[in-house]
C-alpha cells in the first residue's frame, strides 16, 4: 500500500480539530472534555484518511 500526502485543506482541518481537542482538554476552550476528545479523534482519523486515500 502506498501512502500519499494529504491535501493542504485536509491537513489544516485536521490540525484545527486537534488543536480544539487539546485546548478543550487543558481547559482553555470552555467546552466539555468529551467534545474535545471527539474533535481530536476525528482530526486524527481525517489525517489518516488523507494519507491512505490518494484523492482525499
Protein backbone atom coordinates (compact mmCIF):
# COMPACT_ATOMS: atom_id res chain seq x y z
CA UNK A 1 0.00 0.00 0.00
CA UNK A 2 1.37 3.39 -1.00
CA UNK A 3 0.84 6.39 1.21
CA UNK A 4 0.31 9.84 -0.20
CA UNK A 5 0.50 13.26 1.34
CA UNK A 6 -2.87 14.70 2.33
CA UNK A 7 -4.15 17.78 0.58
CA UNK A 8 -3.42 21.07 2.30
CA UNK A 9 -7.08 21.66 3.21
CA UNK A 10 -7.42 18.23 4.83
CA UNK A 11 -4.20 18.76 6.76
CA UNK A 12 -5.28 22.13 8.15
CA UNK A 13 -8.75 20.91 9.11
CA UNK A 14 -7.12 18.03 11.00
CA UNK A 15 -4.73 20.43 12.73
CA UNK A 16 -7.58 22.75 13.77
CA UNK A 17 -9.63 19.84 15.13
CA UNK A 18 -6.61 18.54 17.03
CA UNK A 19 -5.94 21.99 18.49
CA UNK A 20 -9.57 22.31 19.60
CA UNK A 21 -9.34 18.90 21.24
CA UNK A 22 -6.14 19.66 23.12
CA UNK A 23 -7.19 23.17 24.17
CA UNK A 24 -10.53 21.95 25.47
CA UNK A 25 -8.84 19.13 27.40
CA UNK A 26 -6.48 21.60 29.05
CA UNK A 27 -9.37 23.94 29.82
CA UNK A 28 -8.50 26.94 27.66
CA UNK A 29 -11.59 26.49 25.47
CA UNK A 30 -14.68 26.20 27.67
CA UNK A 31 -16.37 23.17 26.11
CA UNK A 32 -16.87 19.72 27.57
CA UNK A 33 -13.81 17.50 27.59
CA UNK A 34 -15.69 14.70 25.83
CA UNK A 35 -16.45 17.00 22.90
CA UNK A 36 -12.78 17.94 22.70
CA UNK A 37 -11.71 14.31 22.73
CA UNK A 38 -14.08 13.58 19.83
CA UNK A 39 -12.66 16.55 17.91
CA UNK A 40 -9.18 15.15 18.47
CA UNK A 41 -10.20 11.66 17.31
CA UNK A 42 -12.00 12.99 14.22
CA UNK A 43 -8.95 15.11 13.33
CA UNK A 44 -6.66 12.09 13.60
CA UNK A 45 -8.98 9.90 11.50
CA UNK A 46 -9.25 12.65 8.88
CA UNK A 47 -5.47 12.93 8.72
CA UNK A 48 -5.08 9.15 8.46
CA UNK A 49 -7.63 9.00 5.63
CA UNK A 50 -5.79 11.83 3.90
CA UNK A 51 -2.63 9.70 3.96
CA UNK A 52 -4.28 6.45 2.93
CA UNK A 53 -6.56 7.66 0.15
CA UNK A 54 -4.99 9.22 -2.92
CA UNK A 55 -7.63 11.82 -3.82
CA UNK A 56 -8.72 12.81 -0.33
